[in-house]
């Protein structure tokens, strides 16, 4: 999900709220989101790291790249 909000949420500098998830074998293994207070970040497995939001096209490209990398490393679950 990606939607436009009237103003940037706390921790972000843009007017988009997003929650992207890749689920494999019933478990969320990759998630990109920007919850209020935490700002832009991504989860890969148990790890959480800050994410530098550039624009929506880059967000989707980065998300798809991480999915492809995960599939290469773990098979197409």
PDB file of N, CA and C in Angstrom:
ATOM      1  N   UNK A   1       0.842  -1.180   0.000  1.00  0.00           N
ATOM      2  CA  UNK A   1       0.000   0.000   0.000  1.00  0.00           C
ATOM      3  C   UNK A   1       0.886   1.242   0.000  1.00  0.00           C
ATOM      4  N   UNK A   2       0.517   2.184  -0.794  1.00  0.00           N
ATOM      5  CA  UNK A   2       1.159   3.497  -0.815  1.00  0.00           C
ATOM      6  C   UNK A   2       0.045   4.520  -0.958  1.00  0.00           C
ATOM      7  N   UNK A   3       0.057   5.515  -0.108  1.00  0.00           N
ATOM      8  CA  UNK A   3      -0.923   6.569  -0.251  1.00  0.00           C
ATOM      9  C   UNK A   3      -0.305   7.913   0.074  1.00  0.00           C
ATOM     10  N   UNK A   4      -0.901   8.943  -0.484  1.00  0.00           N
ATOM     11  CA  UNK A   4      -0.437  10.311  -0.258  1.00  0.00           C
ATOM     12  C   UNK A   4      -1.177  10.880   0.949  1.00  0.00           C
ATOM     13  N   UNK A   5      -0.427  11.560   1.820  1.00  0.00           N
ATOM     14  CA  UNK A   5      -1.005  12.172   3.012  1.00  0.00           C
ATOM     15  C   UNK A   5      -0.859  13.699   2.900  1.00  0.00           C
ATOM     16  N   UNK A   6      -1.652  14.448   3.638  1.00  0.00           N
ATOM     17  CA  UNK A   6      -1.608  15.911   3.517  1.00  0.00           C
ATOM     18  C   UNK A   6      -0.256  16.523   3.882  1.00  0.00           C
ATOM     19  N   UNK A   7       0.445  15.923   4.839  1.00  0.00           N
ATOM     20  CA  UNK A   7       1.771  16.420   5.216  1.00  0.00           C
ATOM     21  C   UNK A   7       2.623  15.240   5.644  1.00  0.00           C
ATOM     22  N   UNK A   8       3.919  15.425   5.641  1.00  0.00           N
ATOM     23  CA  UNK A   8       4.846  14.347   5.999  1.00  0.00           C
ATOM     24  C   UNK A   8       4.553  13.848   7.414  1.00  0.00           C
ATOM     25  N   UNK A   9       4.622  12.542   7.592  1.00  0.00           N
ATOM     26  CA  UNK A   9       4.446  11.988   8.936  1.00  0.00           C
ATOM     27  C   UNK A   9       5.740  12.184   9.718  1.00  0.00           C
ATOM     28  N   UNK A  10       5.661  12.159  11.020  1.00  0.00           N
ATOM     29  CA  UNK A  10       6.837  12.355  11.867  1.00  0.00           C
ATOM     30  C   UNK A  10       7.936  11.362  11.490  1.00  0.00           C
ATOM     31  N   UNK A  11       9.120  11.888  11.222  1.00  0.00           N
ATOM     32  CA  UNK A  11      10.251  11.048  10.860  1.00  0.00           C
ATOM     33  C   UNK A  11      10.500  10.943   9.367  1.00  0.00           C
ATOM     34  N   UNK A  12       9.569  11.408   8.543  1.00  0.00           N
ATOM     35  CA  UNK A  12       9.724  11.382   7.087  1.00  0.00           C
ATOM     36  C   UNK A  12       9.722  12.810   6.551  1.00  0.00           C
ATOM     37  N   UNK A  13      10.261  12.984   5.341  1.00  0.00           N
ATOM     38  CA  UNK A  13      10.338  14.315   4.739  1.00  0.00           C
ATOM     39  C   UNK A  13       9.498  14.427   3.470  1.00  0.00           C
ATOM     40  N   UNK A  14       8.635  13.460   3.224  1.00  0.00           N
ATOM     41  CA  UNK A  14       7.815  13.426   2.013  1.00  0.00           C
ATOM     42  C   UNK A  14       6.364  13.190   2.401  1.00  0.00           C
ATOM     43  N   UNK A  15       5.470  13.308   1.435  1.00  0.00           N
ATOM     44  CA  UNK A  15       4.033  13.209   1.721  1.00  0.00           C
ATOM     45  C   UNK A  15       3.435  11.851   1.350  1.00  0.00           C
ATOM     46  N   UNK A  16       4.237  10.797   1.479  1.00  0.00           N
ATOM     47  CA  UNK A  16       3.735   9.455   1.197  1.00  0.00           C
ATOM     48  C   UNK A  16       3.830   8.596   2.447  1.00  0.00           C
ATOM     49  N   UNK A  17       2.805   7.801   2.650  1.00  0.00           N
ATOM     50  CA  UNK A  17       2.788   6.783   3.687  1.00  0.00           C
ATOM     51  C   UNK A  17       2.799   5.466   2.937  1.00  0.00           C
ATOM     52  N   UNK A  18       3.625   4.523   3.374  1.00  0.00           N
ATOM     53  CA  UNK A  18       3.689   3.256   2.654  1.00  0.00           C
ATOM     54  C   UNK A  18       3.929   2.092   3.591  1.00  0.00           C
ATOM     55  N   UNK A  19       3.496   0.935   3.105  1.00  0.00           N
ATOM     56  CA  UNK A  19       3.696  -0.327   3.806  1.00  0.00           C
ATOM     57  C   UNK A  19       3.757  -1.395   2.723  1.00  0.00           C
ATOM     58  N   UNK A  20       4.961  -1.867   2.457  1.00  0.00           N
ATOM     59  CA  UNK A  20       5.181  -2.882   1.432  1.00  0.00           C
ATOM     60  C   UNK A  20       5.699  -4.139   2.119  1.00  0.00           C
ATOM     61  N   UNK A  21       5.171  -5.288   1.770  1.00  0.00           N
ATOM     62  CA  UNK A  21       5.599  -6.522   2.417  1.00  0.00           C
ATOM     63  C   UNK A  21       5.757  -7.634   1.399  1.00  0.00           C
ATOM     64  N   UNK A  22       6.772  -8.453   1.606  1.00  0.00           N
ATOM     65  CA  UNK A  22       6.971  -9.673   0.831  1.00  0.00           C
ATOM     66  C   UNK A  22       6.868 -10.829   1.812  1.00  0.00           C
ATOM     67  N   UNK A  23       5.915 -11.731   1.544  1.00  0.00           N
ATOM     68  CA  UNK A  23       5.639 -12.855   2.426  1.00  0.00           C
ATOM     69  C   UNK A  23       6.021 -14.139   1.706  1.00  0.00           C
ATOM     70  N   UNK A  24       6.799 -14.980   2.390  1.00  0.00           N
ATOM     71  CA  UNK A  24       7.203 -16.270   1.835  1.00  0.00           C
ATOM     72  C   UNK A  24       6.868 -17.359   2.848  1.00  0.00           C
ATOM     73  N   UNK A  25       6.216 -18.389   2.397  1.00  0.00           N
ATOM     74  CA  UNK A  25       5.812 -19.511   3.265  1.00  0.00           C
ATOM     75  C   UNK A  25       5.054 -19.015   4.494  1.00  0.00           C
ATOM     76  N   UNK A  26       4.195 -18.013   4.287  1.00  0.00           N
ATOM     77  CA  UNK A  26       3.355 -17.507   5.357  1.00  0.00           C
ATOM     78  C   UNK A  26       4.038 -16.575   6.344  1.00  0.00           C
ATOM     79  N   UNK A  27       5.288 -16.191   6.069  1.00  0.00           N
ATOM     80  CA  UNK A  27       6.031 -15.318   6.987  1.00  0.00           C
ATOM     81  C   UNK A  27       6.512 -14.073   6.246  1.00  0.00           C
ATOM     82  N   UNK A  28       6.336 -12.908   6.865  1.00  0.00           N
ATOM     83  CA  UNK A  28       6.825 -11.668   6.275  1.00  0.00           C
ATOM     84  C   UNK A  28       8.348 -11.652   6.395  1.00  0.00           C
ATOM     85  N   UNK A  29       9.033 -11.642   5.265  1.00  0.00           N
ATOM     86  CA  UNK A  29      10.504 -11.691   5.284  1.00  0.00           C
ATOM     87  C   UNK A  29      11.132 -10.362   4.863  1.00  0.00           C
ATOM     88  N   UNK A  30      10.363  -9.513   4.180  1.00  0.00           N
ATOM     89  CA  UNK A  30      10.837  -8.175   3.798  1.00  0.00           C
ATOM     90  C   UNK A  30       9.680  -7.209   3.977  1.00  0.00           C
ATOM     91  N   UNK A  31       9.962  -6.091   4.637  1.00  0.00           N
ATOM     92  CA  UNK A  31       8.925  -5.066   4.797  1.00  0.00           C
ATOM     93  C   UNK A  31       9.580  -3.689   4.746  1.00  0.00           C
ATOM     94  N   UNK A  32       8.998  -2.806   3.978  1.00  0.00           N
ATOM     95  CA  UNK A  32       9.390  -1.398   3.924  1.00  0.00           C
ATOM     96  C   UNK A  32       8.209  -0.614   4.474  1.00  0.00           C
ATOM     97  N   UNK A  33       8.465   0.303   5.390  1.00  0.00           N
ATOM     98  CA  UNK A  33       7.383   1.140   5.886  1.00  0.00           C
ATOM     99  C   UNK A  33       7.938   2.409   6.505  1.00  0.00           C
ATOM    100  N   UNK A  34       7.030   3.307   6.842  1.00  0.00           N
ATOM    101  CA  UNK A  34       7.421   4.575   7.460  1.00  0.00           C
ATOM    102  C   UNK A  34       6.402   4.960   8.516  1.00  0.00           C
ATOM    103  N   UNK A  35       6.392   4.209   9.582  1.00  0.00           N
ATOM    104  CA  UNK A  35       5.462   4.515  10.661  1.00  0.00           C
ATOM    105  C   UNK A  35       5.867   5.797  11.380  1.00  0.00           C
ATOM    106  N   UNK A  36       4.889   6.481  11.926  1.00  0.00           N
ATOM    107  CA  UNK A  36       5.128   7.758  12.606  1.00  0.00           C
ATOM    108  C   UNK A  36       6.152   7.590  13.722  1.00  0.00           C
ATOM    109  N   UNK A  37       7.105   8.500  13.756  1.00  0.00           N
ATOM    110  CA  UNK A  37       8.135   8.478  14.782  1.00  0.00           C
ATOM    111  C   UNK A  37       9.370   7.700  14.386  1.00  0.00           C
ATOM    112  N   UNK A  38       9.214   6.639  13.599  1.00  0.00           N
ATOM    113  CA  UNK A  38      10.356   5.839  13.155  1.00  0.00           C
ATOM    114  C   UNK A  38      10.884   6.317  11.811  1.00  0.00           C
ATOM    115  N   UNK A  39      10.029   6.933  11.023  1.00  0.00           N
ATOM    116  CA  UNK A  39      10.436   7.366   9.690  1.00  0.00           C
ATOM    117  C   UNK A  39      10.605   6.199   8.740  1.00  0.00           C
ATOM    118  N   UNK A  40      11.291   6.454   7.650  1.00  0.00           N
ATOM    119  CA  UNK A  40      11.476   5.459   6.595  1.00  0.00           C
ATOM    120  C   UNK A  40      12.469   4.391   7.057  1.00  0.00           C
ATOM    121  N   UNK A  41      12.057   3.138   6.922  1.00  0.00           N
ATOM    122  CA  UNK A  41      12.951   2.040   7.284  1.00  0.00           C
ATOM    123  C   UNK A  41      12.497   0.760   6.592  1.00  0.00           C
ATOM    124  N   UNK A  42      13.363  -0.242   6.653  1.00  0.00           N
ATOM    125  CA  UNK A  42      13.035  -1.534   6.052  1.00  0.00           C
ATOM    126  C   UNK A  42      13.438  -2.651   6.998  1.00  0.00           C
ATOM    127  N   UNK A  43      12.716  -3.740   6.890  1.00  0.00           N
ATOM    128  CA  UNK A  43      12.984  -4.942   7.672  1.00  0.00           C
ATOM    129  C   UNK A  43      13.370  -6.038   6.688  1.00  0.00           C
ATOM    130  N   UNK A  44      14.500  -6.646   6.914  1.00  0.00           N
ATOM    131  CA  UNK A  44      14.913  -7.820   6.139  1.00  0.00           C
ATOM    132  C   UNK A  44      15.119  -8.920   7.178  1.00  0.00           C
ATOM    133  N   UNK A  45      14.227  -9.899   7.181  1.00  0.00           N
ATOM    134  CA  UNK A  45      14.273 -10.906   8.235  1.00  0.00           C
ATOM    135  C   UNK A  45      14.063 -10.231   9.578  1.00  0.00           C
ATOM    136  N   UNK A  46      14.944 -10.489  10.519  1.00  0.00           N
ATOM    137  CA  UNK A  46      14.847  -9.902  11.857  1.00  0.00           C
ATOM    138  C   UNK A  46      15.535  -8.535  11.953  1.00  0.00           C
ATOM    139  N   UNK A  47      16.237  -8.135  10.915  1.00  0.00           N
ATOM    140  CA  UNK A  47      17.007  -6.890  10.916  1.00  0.00           C
ATOM    141  C   UNK A  47      16.140  -5.700  10.498  1.00  0.00           C
ATOM    142  N   UNK A  48      16.366  -4.553  11.128  1.00  0.00           N
ATOM    143  CA  UNK A  48      15.685  -3.315  10.755  1.00  0.00           C
ATOM    144  C   UNK A  48      16.734  -2.235  10.533  1.00  0.00           C
ATOM    145  N   UNK A  49      16.645  -1.549   9.388  1.00  0.00           N
ATOM    146  CA  UNK A  49      17.597  -0.491   9.054  1.00  0.00           C
ATOM    147  C   UNK A  49      16.867   0.711   8.494  1.00  0.00           C
ATOM    148  N   UNK A  50      17.441   1.886   8.704  1.00  0.00           N
ATOM    149  CA  UNK A  50      16.885   3.104   8.122  1.00  0.00           C
ATOM    150  C   UNK A  50      16.907   2.983   6.600  1.00  0.00           C
ATOM    151  N   UNK A  51      15.951   3.617   5.961  1.00  0.00           N
ATOM    152  CA  UNK A  51      15.859   3.627   4.497  1.00  0.00           C
ATOM    153  C   UNK A  51      15.824   5.078   4.034  1.00  0.00           C
ATOM    154  N   UNK A  52      16.633   5.408   3.042  1.00  0.00           N
ATOM    155  CA  UNK A  52      16.656   6.769   2.488  1.00  0.00           C
ATOM    156  C   UNK A  52      15.670   6.850   1.326  1.00  0.00           C
ATOM    157  N   UNK A  53      14.517   7.450   1.582  1.00  0.00           N
ATOM    158  CA  UNK A  53      13.481   7.615   0.570  1.00  0.00           C
ATOM    159  C   UNK A  53      13.915   8.692  -0.417  1.00  0.00           C
ATOM    160  N   UNK A  54      13.879   8.342  -1.717  1.00  0.00           N
ATOM    161  CA  UNK A  54      14.204   9.285  -2.789  1.00  0.00           C
ATOM    162  C   UNK A  54      12.916   9.684  -3.509  1.00  0.00           C
ATOM    163  N   UNK A  55      12.209   8.691  -4.024  1.00  0.00           N
ATOM    164  CA  UNK A  55      10.925   8.893  -4.679  1.00  0.00           C
ATOM    165  C   UNK A  55      10.236   7.538  -4.790  1.00  0.00           C
ATOM    166  N   UNK A  56       8.995   7.526  -5.279  1.00  0.00           N
ATOM    167  CA  UNK A  56       8.233   6.278  -5.340  1.00  0.00           C
ATOM    168  C   UNK A  56       8.855   5.259  -6.293  1.00  0.00           C
ATOM    169  N   UNK A  57       9.382   5.717  -7.420  1.00  0.00           N
ATOM    170  CA  UNK A  57      10.009   4.787  -8.359  1.00  0.00           C
ATOM    171  C   UNK A  57      11.200   4.089  -7.715  1.00  0.00           C
ATOM    172  N   UNK A  58      12.017   4.841  -6.992  1.00  0.00           N
ATOM    173  CA  UNK A  58      13.181   4.251  -6.334  1.00  0.00           C
ATOM    174  C   UNK A  58      12.758   3.316  -5.203  1.00  0.00           C
ATOM    175  N   UNK A  59      11.718   3.685  -4.478  1.00  0.00           N
ATOM    176  CA  UNK A  59      11.186   2.822  -3.423  1.00  0.00           C
ATOM    177  C   UNK A  59      10.812   1.461  -3.988  1.00  0.00           C
ATOM    178  N   UNK A  60      10.067   1.463  -5.078  1.00  0.00           N
ATOM    179  CA  UNK A  60       9.642   0.190  -5.677  1.00  0.00           C
ATOM    180  C   UNK A  60      10.831  -0.592  -6.234  1.00  0.00           C
ATOM    181  N   UNK A  61      11.786   0.106  -6.855  1.00  0.00           N
ATOM    182  CA  UNK A  61      12.973  -0.572  -7.391  1.00  0.00           C
ATOM    183  C   UNK A  61      13.780  -1.213  -6.266  1.00  0.00           C
ATOM    184  N   UNK A  62      13.952  -0.508  -5.157  1.00  0.00           N
ATOM    185  CA  UNK A  62      14.705  -1.057  -4.024  1.00  0.00           C
ATOM    186  C   UNK A  62      13.982  -2.250  -3.407  1.00  0.00           C
ATOM    187  N   UNK A  63      12.666  -2.138  -3.256  1.00  0.00           N
ATOM    188  CA  UNK A  63      11.865  -3.228  -2.711  1.00  0.00           C
ATOM    189  C   UNK A  63      11.973  -4.464  -3.611  1.00  0.00           C
ATOM    190  N   UNK A  64      11.807  -4.279  -4.908  1.00  0.00           N
ATOM    191  CA  UNK A  64      11.894  -5.398  -5.852  1.00  0.00           C
ATOM    192  C   UNK A  64      13.297  -5.994  -5.879  1.00  0.00           C
ATOM    193  N   UNK A  65      14.337  -5.168  -5.755  1.00  0.00           N
ATOM    194  CA  UNK A  65      15.717  -5.657  -5.700  1.00  0.00           C
ATOM    195  C   UNK A  65      15.921  -6.540  -4.469  1.00  0.00           C
ATOM    196  N   UNK A  66      15.399  -6.110  -3.327  1.00  0.00           N
ATOM    197  CA  UNK A  66      15.543  -6.917  -2.111  1.00  0.00           C
ATOM    198  C   UNK A  66      14.787  -8.235  -2.219  1.00  0.00           C
ATOM    199  N   UNK A  67      13.626  -8.224  -2.862  1.00  0.00           N
ATOM    200  CA  UNK A  67      12.883  -9.470  -3.082  1.00  0.00           C
ATOM    201  C   UNK A  67      13.699 -10.412  -3.962  1.00  0.00           C
ATOM    202  N   UNK A  68      14.239  -9.901  -5.068  1.00  0.00           N
ATOM    203  CA  UNK A  68      15.043 -10.735  -5.976  1.00  0.00           C
ATOM    204  C   UNK A  68      16.260 -11.311  -5.246  1.00  0.00           C
ATOM    205  N   UNK A  69      16.917 -10.498  -4.445  1.00  0.00           N
ATOM    206  CA  UNK A  69      18.080 -10.970  -3.681  1.00  0.00           C
ATOM    207  C   UNK A  69      17.650 -12.068  -2.700  1.00  0.00           C
ATOM    208  N   UNK A  70      16.548 -11.856  -1.993  1.00  0.00           N
ATOM    209  CA  UNK A  70      16.067 -12.852  -1.035  1.00  0.00           C
ATOM    210  C   UNK A  70      15.745 -14.166  -1.754  1.00  0.00           C
ATOM    211  N   UNK A  71      15.090 -14.059  -2.912  1.00  0.00           N
ATOM    212  CA  UNK A  71      14.743 -15.273  -3.669  1.00  0.00           C
ATOM    213  C   UNK A  71      15.996 -15.994  -4.154  1.00  0.00           C
ATOM    214  N   UNK A  72      17.000 -15.254  -4.595  1.00  0.00           N
ATOM    215  CA  UNK A  72      18.263 -15.871  -5.026  1.00  0.00           C
ATOM    216  C   UNK A  72      18.918 -16.617  -3.868  1.00  0.00           C
ATOM    217  N   UNK A  73      18.862 -16.048  -2.665  1.00  0.00           N
ATOM    218  CA  UNK A  73      19.514 -16.635  -1.504  1.00  0.00           C
ATOM    219  C   UNK A  73      18.692 -17.746  -0.855  1.00  0.00           C
ATOM    220  N   UNK A  74      17.358 -17.713  -1.021  1.00  0.00           N
ATOM    221  CA  UNK A  74      16.489 -18.632  -0.287  1.00  0.00           C
ATOM    222  C   UNK A  74      15.596 -19.498  -1.172  1.00  0.00           C
ATOM    223  N   UNK A  75      15.684 -19.331  -2.461  1.00  0.00           N
ATOM    224  CA  UNK A  75      14.784 -20.052  -3.355  1.00  0.00           C
ATOM    225  C   UNK A  75      13.480 -19.286  -3.505  1.00  0.00           C
ATOM    226  N   UNK A  76      12.683 -19.666  -4.442  1.00  0.00           N
ATOM    227  CA  UNK A  76      11.416 -18.967  -4.701  1.00  0.00           C
ATOM    228  C   UNK A  76      10.313 -19.532  -3.836  1.00  0.00           C
ATOM    229  N   UNK A  77      10.381 -19.301  -2.537  1.00  0.00           N
ATOM    230  CA  UNK A  77       9.375 -19.824  -1.592  1.00  0.00           C
ATOM    231  C   UNK A  77       8.056 -19.119  -1.771  1.00  0.00           C
TER     232      UNK A  77
END
